[in-house]
Amino acid sequence: MNERTGGDAAAAVVRRGRLRLPRGLRWNLPFYFFSRFFKPGNPILLFEHLRQFGRAAHYRLLWNDIVLLNDPEDIREVLVDKAGVFVKERTQRRMRILLGEGLITADGESHRRHRRIAAPAFHRQRIQAYAGTIVELAERRAERWRDGQRLDAAAEMMALALEVTARTLFDTEVTAEIKAVNDETNAVMEIYNTLIAMPRAEWLLAAHVPVPALMRFRRAKRRLDAVVDGMIAAKQREMDERQARGEEIGGDVLSMLMAARDEVGGTDVGNGMARQAGNRLNERELRDEVLTIFLAGYETVANALTWMWKLVGEHADVEARLMAEVDAVLGGRRATLDDAQRLKYVEMVVAEAMRLYPPAWAMGRQAIEEVEIGPYRLPKGCFVFFSQYMVHRDERYFPEPLRFDPERFEPEARAGRPKFAYFPFGGGGRQCIGEAFAWMEAVLVVAALAQRWRLRLEPGQRIGLQPKITLRPDGAVWMVAEARGEAAKPEMDEMEARA
């Protein structure tokens, strides 16, 4: 089916009473069921089709108005200037069936309270203390590889990111409990897309309707909650013992969350109940926050690193410059926190990989009243989406947008772009609380691995997209490890002593 083109972006408006909507699909979305861009499991195809309408595009899904925003200034209005007019949209709210009321899903005062309590655990000085742990775990992973070994980069980066999350969140190795959390999270994720598309999924879950997908989800979620509750209980016993001995609490994120108090207080939006200043997270809130941080803490970084190695493996010039910087900055020694600030090109490579393949690839909000955004006036209840995947590929800000070019992130080039031309960690009051940690982790992991190994991309692979909660590759990313030689190896005395 052919659609109308948008014409001039600012003038492409359809009036409906008081409203001014962007142009878009003529018919309700289900009428396009057999069109090439309609694939319920891959909204990116729809977003790419809607690009033709320019600055924004409108369509209807049953009785709902939906607008896709492509302009950074319009996105800034939604996330910053008029954030109080919007709440999380339906799909993200429905994530509560998996994550509960955590930082990703909470709204209003509930979100502000959770963020206040979690903030000390993600203070810059606190996360910098994890630098040595990150490098140690990356080097341990590098020790397992062998010259000429065929590796699935996706699986390797997931395993490494899981190890980092286990140590920094729980202060433990990847134990049977951590593996259980990971396995059960993957199990519920596999069913999650089905639940997102299912009408009244929350009600059906609560009513224990015997639908097979819902039954599998309930079982996996019960097991997941039980494992996390057990780990929290064990951490509480450890903290009690530390307190009895007059010791400080541990430096892991879970200990910080359990000890943190809300020094402001307020009223919960959902139930109108007042919370006094000094309150801690209750058991349910703590479990929800642990699940949220666990998922966000390893899934996003692992995907970013996987796509980065794939892209570096395809561009020998980028690889050569990256390796040269790592060797020049580190000189064969172990990477440190200070090096994370000095490895500028490594950071640029990671940034460019997240431009092309942002782990958080789309966001959405719902208007709680009529609102003007740019040249448009949107109705109350309108769903507004914006996709990092799409905006990061806008040729106005990134010429030849499909070309992998880390120099786009030289300081001068970055300064010439609007803030929301590149927003892999969101923006506004809900910007990812772990952004600084993620950047530090990614740069140090790349440096530690690149000292020892080149990863050659196996030719002939068709690596597609799997846009779920995060943007995963749709299968393995096969690469061959090539040892770089003795001169590039870091000092391994401590690791050899442990062995």
Protein backbone atom coordinates (compact mmCIF):
# COMPACT_ATOMS: atom_id res chain seq x y z
CA MET A 1 0.00 0.00 0.00
CA ASN A 2 1.28 3.48 -0.86
CA GLU A 3 1.01 6.30 1.66
CA ARG A 4 1.01 10.04 1.30
CA THR A 5 4.32 11.80 1.64
CA GLY A 6 4.70 14.38 4.36
CA GLY A 7 5.90 17.42 2.41
CA ASP A 8 7.34 20.24 4.48
CA ALA A 9 7.88 18.91 7.99
CA ALA A 10 6.58 21.98 9.85
CA ALA A 11 3.48 22.36 7.61
CA ALA A 12 2.57 18.66 7.56
CA VAL A 13 -0.38 19.04 9.94
CA VAL A 14 -3.88 17.56 9.89
CA ARG A 15 -6.49 19.52 11.84
CA ARG A 16 -9.11 17.73 13.89
CA GLY A 17 -11.15 20.30 15.79
CA ARG A 18 -8.76 22.01 18.23
CA LEU A 19 -6.10 19.43 17.52
CA ARG A 20 -3.19 19.64 15.09
CA LEU A 21 -1.82 16.20 14.29
CA PRO A 22 1.08 15.23 12.04
CA ARG A 23 0.27 13.47 8.79
CA GLY A 24 0.59 9.72 8.73
CA LEU A 25 -1.18 6.47 7.94
CA ARG A 26 -4.59 6.92 6.34
CA TRP A 27 -6.13 3.81 7.85
CA ASN A 28 -6.17 2.18 11.26
CA LEU A 29 -2.99 0.15 11.76
CA PRO A 30 -4.65 -3.33 11.65
CA PHE A 31 -5.70 -2.62 8.04
CA TYR A 32 -2.01 -2.84 7.12
CA PHE A 33 -1.70 -6.39 8.43
CA PHE A 34 -0.37 -7.73 5.12
CA SER A 35 1.92 -4.78 4.40
CA ARG A 36 5.67 -5.26 4.42
CA PHE A 37 6.09 -2.89 7.37
CA PHE A 38 3.56 -4.63 9.62
CA LYS A 39 5.31 -7.12 11.83
CA PRO A 40 4.10 -7.08 15.46
CA GLY A 41 7.40 -8.44 16.76
CA ASN A 42 9.47 -5.73 15.01
CA PRO A 43 8.10 -2.17 15.39
CA ILE A 44 11.30 -0.82 13.81
CA LEU A 45 9.86 -1.73 10.39
CA LEU A 46 6.84 0.48 11.10
CA PHE A 47 9.01 3.32 12.38
CA GLU A 48 11.18 3.14 9.25
CA HIS A 49 8.06 3.29 7.09
CA LEU A 50 6.80 6.34 8.98
CA ARG A 51 10.08 8.19 8.38
CA GLN A 52 8.68 9.39 5.04
CA PHE A 53 6.33 11.78 6.88
CA GLY A 54 9.23 13.81 8.20
CA ARG A 55 9.27 15.52 11.57
CA ALA A 56 6.50 13.35 13.04
CA ALA A 57 3.89 10.82 11.95
CA HIS A 58 0.43 9.93 13.25
CA TYR A 59 -1.49 6.68 13.13
CA ARG A 60 -4.32 5.04 15.01
CA LEU A 61 -4.37 1.63 16.64
CA LEU A 62 -8.02 0.84 17.22
CA TRP A 63 -9.27 3.89 19.18
CA ASN A 64 -5.83 5.14 20.26
CA ASP A 65 -3.99 8.08 18.71
CA ILE A 66 -0.27 7.41 18.36
CA VAL A 67 2.42 9.88 17.29
CA LEU A 68 6.02 9.05 16.41
CA LEU A 69 8.34 12.01 17.00
CA ASN A 70 11.58 12.23 15.01
CA ASP A 71 12.78 15.74 15.85
CA PRO A 72 15.20 16.22 18.78
CA GLU A 73 13.55 19.47 19.89
CA ASP A 74 10.11 17.82 20.04
CA ILE A 75 11.59 14.93 22.03
CA ARG A 76 13.19 17.43 24.43
CA GLU A 77 9.78 19.04 24.99
CA VAL A 78 8.26 15.69 25.98
CA LEU A 79 11.12 14.52 28.22
CA VAL A 80 12.18 17.83 29.77
CA ASP A 81 10.06 20.94 29.20
CA LYS A 82 6.62 19.31 29.53
CA ALA A 83 7.50 16.09 31.32
CA GLY A 84 4.76 16.71 33.88
CA VAL A 85 2.10 16.36 31.17
CA PHE A 86 3.20 12.81 30.35
CA VAL A 87 3.29 9.42 32.07
CA LYS A 88 4.79 6.13 30.99
CA GLU A 89 2.90 4.66 28.04
CA ARG A 90 0.97 1.38 28.19
CA THR A 91 3.74 -0.97 27.02
CA GLN A 92 6.22 0.34 29.57
CA ARG A 93 3.59 0.33 32.31
CA ARG A 94 2.85 -3.27 31.43
CA MET A 95 6.49 -4.07 32.20
CA ARG A 96 5.34 -3.95 35.82
CA ILE A 97 4.16 -7.54 35.46
CA LEU A 98 7.86 -8.42 35.13
CA LEU A 99 9.70 -5.68 37.04
CA GLY A 100 7.08 -4.46 39.49
CA GLU A 101 7.34 -0.85 40.66
CA GLY A 102 11.01 -0.18 39.98
CA LEU A 103 12.91 2.77 38.51
CA ILE A 104 11.94 1.85 34.93
CA THR A 105 8.20 1.44 35.52
CA ALA A 106 7.33 3.81 38.41
CA ASP A 107 5.75 7.22 37.70
CA GLY A 108 5.34 10.50 39.52
CA GLU A 109 6.23 10.69 43.20
CA SER A 110 6.83 6.94 43.36
CA HIS A 111 9.59 7.26 40.76
CA ARG A 112 11.10 10.32 42.45
CA ARG A 113 11.18 8.49 45.80
CA HIS A 114 12.84 5.39 44.31
CA ARG A 115 15.40 7.56 42.54
CA ARG A 116 16.23 9.47 45.74
CA ILE A 117 16.79 6.21 47.61
CA ALA A 118 18.85 4.62 44.82
CA ALA A 119 20.97 7.71 44.08
CA PRO A 120 23.69 7.09 46.74
CA ALA A 121 24.39 3.63 45.26
CA PHE A 122 25.13 5.27 41.89
CA HIS A 123 27.07 8.28 43.13
CA ARG A 124 30.14 8.86 41.00
CA GLN A 125 32.57 8.09 43.83
CA ARG A 126 30.71 4.87 44.61
CA ILE A 127 30.70 3.52 41.06
CA GLN A 128 34.35 4.48 40.55
CA ALA A 129 35.20 2.01 43.31
CA TYR A 130 34.04 -0.77 40.97
CA ALA A 131 36.66 -0.01 38.29
CA GLY A 132 39.17 -2.54 39.58
CA THR A 133 36.50 -5.25 39.79
CA ILE A 134 35.45 -4.64 36.18
CA VAL A 135 39.02 -4.90 34.88
CA GLU A 136 39.73 -8.00 36.96
CA LEU A 137 36.67 -9.80 35.58
CA ALA A 138 37.45 -8.75 32.00
CA GLU A 139 41.00 -10.08 32.34
CA ARG A 140 39.68 -13.31 33.81
CA ARG A 141 37.40 -13.66 30.78
CA ALA A 142 40.35 -12.94 28.44
CA GLU A 143 42.38 -15.70 30.14
CA ARG A 144 39.74 -18.28 29.13
CA TRP A 145 40.09 -17.58 25.42
CA ARG A 146 42.54 -19.42 23.16
CA ASP A 147 44.24 -18.30 19.96
CA GLY A 148 42.04 -19.26 17.00
CA GLN A 149 39.05 -20.05 19.19
CA ARG A 150 35.60 -19.50 17.67
CA LEU A 151 33.52 -17.37 20.04
CA ASP A 152 29.94 -16.16 20.16
CA ALA A 153 30.54 -12.51 21.05
CA ALA A 154 26.94 -12.13 22.24
CA ALA A 155 27.23 -15.02 24.69
CA GLU A 156 30.68 -13.92 25.87
CA MET A 157 29.61 -10.34 26.54
CA MET A 158 26.42 -11.51 28.29
CA ALA A 159 28.47 -13.80 30.53
CA LEU A 160 31.00 -11.07 31.35
CA ALA A 161 28.34 -8.44 32.03
CA LEU A 162 26.54 -10.92 34.27
CA GLU A 163 29.75 -11.46 36.26
CA VAL A 164 30.18 -7.69 36.68
CA THR A 165 26.56 -7.28 37.78
CA ALA A 166 26.85 -10.15 40.27
CA ARG A 167 29.91 -8.59 41.90
CA THR A 168 28.72 -4.99 41.94
CA LEU A 169 25.03 -5.59 42.74
CA PHE A 170 25.31 -8.55 45.13
CA ASP A 171 29.05 -8.63 46.01
CA THR A 172 29.27 -12.26 44.92
CA GLU A 173 30.51 -14.42 42.08
CA VAL A 174 28.10 -15.95 39.55
CA THR A 175 26.69 -18.47 41.98
CA ALA A 176 23.86 -20.95 41.42
CA GLU A 177 21.49 -18.26 42.72
CA ILE A 178 22.75 -15.68 40.23
CA LYS A 179 22.44 -18.20 37.40
CA ALA A 180 18.90 -18.95 38.56
CA VAL A 181 18.01 -15.25 38.46
CA ASN A 182 19.49 -15.02 34.96
CA ASP A 183 17.75 -18.18 33.72
CA GLU A 184 14.36 -17.21 35.14
CA THR A 185 14.72 -13.67 33.79
CA ASN A 186 15.41 -15.08 30.33
CA ALA A 187 12.41 -17.42 30.71
CA VAL A 188 9.99 -14.61 31.53
CA MET A 189 11.54 -12.44 28.79
CA GLU A 190 10.74 -15.10 26.20
CA ILE A 191 7.07 -15.01 27.23
CA TYR A 192 7.02 -11.24 27.79
CA ASN A 193 6.40 -10.20 24.16
CA THR A 194 3.34 -12.46 24.08
CA LEU A 195 2.00 -10.80 27.20
CA ILE A 196 2.61 -7.30 25.83
CA ALA A 197 0.34 -8.06 22.86
CA MET A 198 -2.33 -9.82 24.96
CA PRO A 199 -5.36 -7.67 25.87
CA ARG A 200 -5.93 -7.34 29.64
CA ALA A 201 -2.84 -9.42 30.43
CA GLU A 202 -2.57 -7.92 33.93
CA TRP A 203 -6.18 -8.86 34.76
CA LEU A 204 -5.77 -12.35 33.29
CA LEU A 205 -2.62 -12.90 35.37
CA ALA A 206 -4.27 -11.69 38.56
CA ALA A 207 -7.33 -13.87 37.91
CA HIS A 208 -5.14 -16.96 37.32
CA VAL A 209 -6.82 -17.65 33.98
CA PRO A 210 -5.37 -20.99 32.71
CA VAL A 211 -3.83 -19.69 29.48
CA PRO A 212 -0.60 -21.65 28.77
CA ALA A 213 1.60 -18.57 28.24
CA LEU A 214 0.25 -16.96 31.41
CA MET A 215 0.77 -20.16 33.40
CA ARG A 216 4.41 -20.39 32.24
CA PHE A 217 4.95 -16.73 33.10
CA ARG A 218 3.46 -17.10 36.60
CA ARG A 219 5.64 -20.14 37.35
CA ALA A 220 8.83 -18.45 36.13
CA LYS A 221 8.01 -15.20 37.95
CA ARG A 222 7.32 -17.05 41.22
CA ARG A 223 10.68 -18.83 40.97
CA LEU A 224 12.42 -15.56 40.11
CA ASP A 225 10.87 -13.72 43.06
CA ALA A 226 11.74 -16.57 45.42
CA VAL A 227 15.41 -16.56 44.40
CA VAL A 228 15.71 -12.77 44.71
CA ASP A 229 13.89 -12.79 48.07
CA GLY A 230 16.34 -15.43 49.31
CA MET A 231 19.33 -13.36 48.23
CA ILE A 232 17.94 -10.26 49.93
CA ALA A 233 17.35 -12.23 53.13
CA ALA A 234 20.93 -13.54 53.04
CA LYS A 235 22.23 -9.99 52.50
CA GLN A 236 20.16 -8.77 55.45
CA ARG A 237 21.73 -11.43 57.70
CA GLU A 238 25.19 -10.37 56.49
CA MET A 239 24.42 -6.71 57.21
CA ASP A 240 23.10 -7.55 60.68
CA GLU A 241 26.31 -9.47 61.44
CA ARG A 242 28.42 -6.55 60.20
CA GLN A 243 26.46 -4.16 62.39
CA ALA A 244 26.88 -6.42 65.43
CA ARG A 245 30.66 -6.34 64.86
CA GLY A 246 30.60 -2.55 64.46
CA GLU A 247 31.59 -2.73 60.77
CA GLU A 248 30.35 -0.60 57.91
CA ILE A 249 27.87 -2.05 55.40
CA GLY A 250 29.22 -3.56 52.19
CA GLY A 251 29.92 -1.42 49.14
CA ASP A 252 27.67 -3.39 46.77
CA VAL A 253 24.53 -1.82 45.31
CA LEU A 254 22.15 -4.15 47.19
CA SER A 255 23.65 -3.23 50.58
CA MET A 256 23.39 0.45 49.69
CA LEU A 257 19.75 0.08 48.63
CA MET A 258 18.85 -1.80 51.80
CA ALA A 259 20.48 0.81 54.03
CA ALA A 260 19.33 3.92 52.14
CA ARG A 261 16.52 6.09 53.45
CA ASP A 262 14.27 8.62 51.75
CA GLU A 263 15.17 11.90 53.41
CA VAL A 264 12.31 13.81 51.76
CA GLY A 265 9.11 11.74 52.03
CA GLY A 266 5.95 12.42 50.03
CA THR A 267 2.72 10.82 48.84
CA ASP A 268 2.41 7.73 46.65
CA VAL A 269 0.48 8.55 43.49
CA GLY A 270 -1.06 5.10 43.23
CA ASN A 271 -2.73 4.88 46.65
CA GLY A 272 -2.53 8.41 48.07
CA MET A 273 -0.65 7.16 51.14
CA ALA A 274 1.79 9.55 52.79
CA ARG A 275 5.34 8.34 53.35
CA GLN A 276 7.40 9.91 56.09
CA ALA A 277 10.95 11.06 55.51
CA GLY A 278 13.43 8.43 56.63
CA ASN A 279 11.51 5.47 55.23
CA ARG A 280 13.34 2.66 53.48
CA LEU A 281 12.21 0.50 50.58
CA ASN A 282 9.87 -2.25 51.76
CA GLU A 283 10.41 -5.90 50.79
CA ARG A 284 8.38 -5.74 47.60
CA GLU A 285 9.93 -2.45 46.50
CA LEU A 286 13.41 -3.76 47.19
CA ARG A 287 12.79 -6.93 45.16
CA ASP A 288 11.38 -4.85 42.27
CA GLU A 289 14.41 -2.55 42.33
CA VAL A 290 16.86 -5.47 42.40
CA LEU A 291 15.18 -7.04 39.36
CA THR A 292 15.17 -3.71 37.52
CA ILE A 293 18.85 -2.98 38.23
CA PHE A 294 19.81 -6.58 37.48
CA LEU A 295 18.18 -6.52 34.04
CA ALA A 296 19.33 -3.01 33.15
CA GLY A 297 22.76 -3.60 34.63
CA TYR A 298 23.90 -6.39 32.37
CA GLU A 299 21.55 -6.71 29.40
CA THR A 300 22.15 -3.21 28.02
CA VAL A 301 25.95 -3.19 28.43
CA ALA A 302 26.26 -6.70 27.01
CA ASN A 303 24.31 -5.75 23.90
CA ALA A 304 26.28 -2.53 23.41
CA LEU A 305 29.58 -4.44 23.60
CA THR A 306 28.35 -7.20 21.28
CA TRP A 307 27.39 -4.73 18.55
CA MET A 308 30.65 -2.84 19.09
CA TRP A 309 32.84 -5.93 18.54
CA LYS A 310 30.79 -6.81 15.46
CA LEU A 311 31.31 -3.32 13.99
CA VAL A 312 35.02 -3.16 14.90
CA GLY A 313 35.46 -6.57 13.31
CA GLU A 314 34.10 -5.13 10.06
CA HIS A 315 36.34 -2.03 10.05
CA ALA A 316 40.08 -2.71 10.15
CA ASP A 317 40.96 1.00 10.28
CA VAL A 318 38.89 1.54 13.43
CA GLU A 319 40.33 -1.60 15.00
CA ALA A 320 43.90 -0.46 14.30
CA ARG A 321 43.35 2.96 15.87
CA LEU A 322 41.55 1.46 18.88
CA MET A 323 44.36 -1.04 19.51
CA ALA A 324 47.00 1.69 19.11
CA GLU A 325 45.31 3.89 21.70
CA VAL A 326 44.95 1.02 24.17
CA ASP A 327 48.64 0.14 23.81
CA ALA A 328 49.77 3.77 24.06
CA VAL A 329 47.67 4.61 27.12
CA LEU A 330 48.19 1.37 29.05
CA GLY A 331 51.69 0.43 27.95
CA GLY A 332 51.09 -3.22 28.80
CA ARG A 333 49.90 -2.58 32.38
CA ARG A 334 46.47 -3.23 33.86
CA ALA A 335 43.80 -0.59 33.13
CA THR A 336 42.74 1.66 36.01
CA LEU A 337 39.94 4.10 36.73
CA ASP A 338 42.06 7.03 35.49
CA ASP A 339 42.49 5.27 32.14
CA ALA A 340 38.73 5.28 31.57
CA GLN A 341 39.04 9.07 31.15
CA ARG A 342 42.13 8.82 28.92
CA LEU A 343 40.84 6.23 26.45
CA LYS A 344 39.02 8.82 24.34
CA TYR A 345 38.91 6.87 21.10
CA VAL A 346 37.66 3.73 22.84
CA GLU A 347 34.80 5.80 24.25
CA MET A 348 34.08 7.20 20.78
CA VAL A 349 33.92 3.68 19.33
CA VAL A 350 31.46 2.59 22.01
CA ALA A 351 29.40 5.76 21.45
CA GLU A 352 29.22 5.18 17.70
CA ALA A 353 28.21 1.55 18.22
CA MET A 354 25.37 2.73 20.47
CA ARG A 355 24.38 5.25 17.83
CA LEU A 356 23.81 2.52 15.27
CA TYR A 357 22.55 -0.11 17.72
CA PRO A 358 21.23 1.61 20.86
CA PRO A 359 20.44 -1.02 23.52
CA ALA A 360 17.42 1.04 24.64
CA TRP A 361 16.03 1.51 21.15
CA ALA A 362 12.66 3.21 21.75
CA MET A 363 10.77 5.10 24.44
CA GLY A 364 7.18 6.19 24.92
CA ARG A 365 4.91 8.43 26.95
CA GLN A 366 1.16 9.07 27.22
CA ALA A 367 -0.33 12.58 27.47
CA ILE A 368 -2.56 13.11 30.51
CA GLU A 369 -4.01 16.29 29.00
CA GLU A 370 -4.07 18.11 25.67
CA VAL A 371 -0.57 19.34 24.95
CA GLU A 372 1.31 21.34 22.33
CA ILE A 373 4.53 19.78 21.07
CA GLY A 374 6.27 21.76 18.34
CA PRO A 375 3.69 22.64 15.68
CA TYR A 376 1.27 19.99 16.91
CA ARG A 377 -1.55 19.95 19.47
CA LEU A 378 -2.05 16.39 20.69
CA PRO A 379 -5.16 15.01 22.43
CA LYS A 380 -5.38 13.81 25.99
CA GLY A 381 -4.52 10.10 26.07
CA CYS A 382 -2.34 10.30 22.96
CA PHE A 383 0.60 7.88 22.94
CA VAL A 384 3.90 9.49 21.93
CA PHE A 385 6.85 7.39 20.81
CA PHE A 386 10.41 8.27 19.85
CA SER A 387 13.06 5.82 18.82
CA GLN A 388 16.77 6.20 19.49
CA TYR A 389 17.32 3.72 16.67
CA MET A 390 15.59 6.10 14.24
CA VAL A 391 16.81 9.48 15.51
CA HIS A 392 20.43 8.26 15.74
CA ARG A 393 20.23 7.51 12.00
CA ASP A 394 18.96 10.95 10.97
CA GLU A 395 21.21 12.23 8.18
CA ARG A 396 20.69 15.85 9.30
CA TYR A 397 22.84 15.13 12.33
CA PHE A 398 24.80 12.11 11.16
CA PRO A 399 25.71 12.36 7.42
CA GLU A 400 25.89 8.95 5.75
CA PRO A 401 24.12 7.59 8.84
CA LEU A 402 24.72 3.91 8.12
CA ARG A 403 28.50 4.41 8.02
CA PHE A 404 30.40 3.39 11.18
CA ASP A 405 32.50 6.43 12.02
CA PRO A 406 33.61 6.97 15.65
CA GLU A 407 34.96 10.44 14.75
CA ARG A 408 31.35 11.65 14.87
CA PHE A 409 31.95 11.82 18.61
CA GLU A 410 34.91 14.16 18.54
CA PRO A 411 34.09 17.04 20.96
CA GLU A 412 33.56 19.56 18.14
CA ALA A 413 31.15 17.29 16.29
CA ARG A 414 29.16 16.54 19.46
CA ALA A 415 28.87 20.23 20.29
CA GLY A 416 27.26 20.91 16.91
CA ARG A 417 24.31 18.59 17.49
CA PRO A 418 21.16 19.06 19.58
CA LYS A 419 21.16 17.08 22.82
CA PHE A 420 18.40 14.72 21.77
CA ALA A 421 19.98 13.84 18.43
CA TYR A 422 21.82 11.24 20.52
CA PHE A 423 20.24 9.92 23.71
CA PRO A 424 21.08 6.24 24.27
CA PHE A 425 20.34 6.58 28.01
CA GLY A 426 17.15 8.62 27.69
CA GLY A 427 16.89 12.11 29.10
CA GLY A 428 15.21 14.46 31.51
CA GLY A 429 14.28 13.45 35.03
CA ARG A 430 14.16 9.79 34.04
CA GLN A 431 17.61 9.61 32.44
CA CYS A 432 19.23 6.28 33.27
CA ILE A 433 20.66 6.46 36.81
CA GLY A 434 23.41 4.00 35.85
CA GLU A 435 24.70 5.87 32.79
CA ALA A 436 28.08 6.81 34.28
CA PHE A 437 28.59 3.23 35.46
CA ALA A 438 27.73 1.84 32.00
CA TRP A 439 30.23 4.12 30.24
CA MET A 440 32.99 3.22 32.70
CA GLU A 441 32.25 -0.49 32.41
CA ALA A 442 32.16 -0.48 28.61
CA VAL A 443 35.43 1.46 28.17
CA LEU A 444 37.37 -0.60 30.72
CA VAL A 445 36.09 -3.92 29.36
CA VAL A 446 37.06 -2.99 25.81
CA ALA A 447 40.52 -1.87 26.93
CA ALA A 448 41.17 -4.99 29.00
CA LEU A 449 40.10 -7.36 26.22
CA ALA A 450 41.75 -5.41 23.40
CA GLN A 451 45.12 -5.61 25.16
CA ARG A 452 45.11 -9.35 24.63
CA TRP A 453 42.88 -10.11 21.66
CA ARG A 454 41.60 -9.13 18.27
CA LEU A 455 38.14 -10.48 17.48
CA ARG A 456 37.79 -11.28 13.78
CA LEU A 457 34.21 -11.39 12.53
CA GLU A 458 33.43 -14.68 10.84
CA PRO A 459 32.37 -13.84 7.25
CA GLY A 460 29.04 -14.72 5.68
CA GLN A 461 26.86 -14.17 8.76
CA ARG A 462 23.42 -12.57 8.56
CA ILE A 463 23.07 -10.82 11.90
CA GLY A 464 19.59 -9.37 12.27
CA LEU A 465 17.83 -7.31 14.92
CA GLN A 466 15.75 -8.61 17.80
CA PRO A 467 13.99 -5.53 19.23
CA LYS A 468 12.66 -6.68 22.60
CA ILE A 469 13.09 -4.68 25.80
CA THR A 470 16.63 -4.13 24.53
CA LEU A 471 18.06 -4.34 21.02
CA ARG A 472 19.66 -7.76 20.78
CA PRO A 473 21.18 -9.53 17.78
CA ASP A 474 18.79 -12.23 16.61
CA GLY A 475 21.32 -15.02 17.14
CA ALA A 476 24.97 -15.73 17.69
CA VAL A 477 27.67 -13.27 16.58
CA TRP A 478 30.53 -15.60 15.66
CA MET A 479 34.04 -14.22 15.92
CA VAL A 480 37.52 -15.76 16.01
CA ALA A 481 39.92 -14.75 18.78
CA GLU A 482 43.39 -13.78 17.58
CA ALA A 483 46.08 -13.32 20.22
CA ARG A 484 47.95 -10.01 19.99
CA GLY A 485 51.23 -11.31 21.44
CA GLU A 486 53.19 -10.96 24.65
CA ALA A 487 53.98 -7.24 24.28
CA ALA A 488 50.35 -6.22 24.65
CA LYS A 489 49.57 -8.42 27.67
CA PRO A 490 48.82 -6.66 30.96
CA GLU A 491 50.60 -7.61 34.13
CA MET A 492 48.99 -10.86 35.27
CA ASP A 493 50.89 -11.48 38.51
CA GLU A 494 47.82 -11.21 40.73
CA MET A 495 45.78 -13.50 38.49
CA GLU A 496 48.52 -16.09 38.31
CA ALA A 497 48.85 -15.99 42.09
CA ARG A 498 45.13 -16.68 42.44
CA ALA A 499 45.39 -19.62 40.02
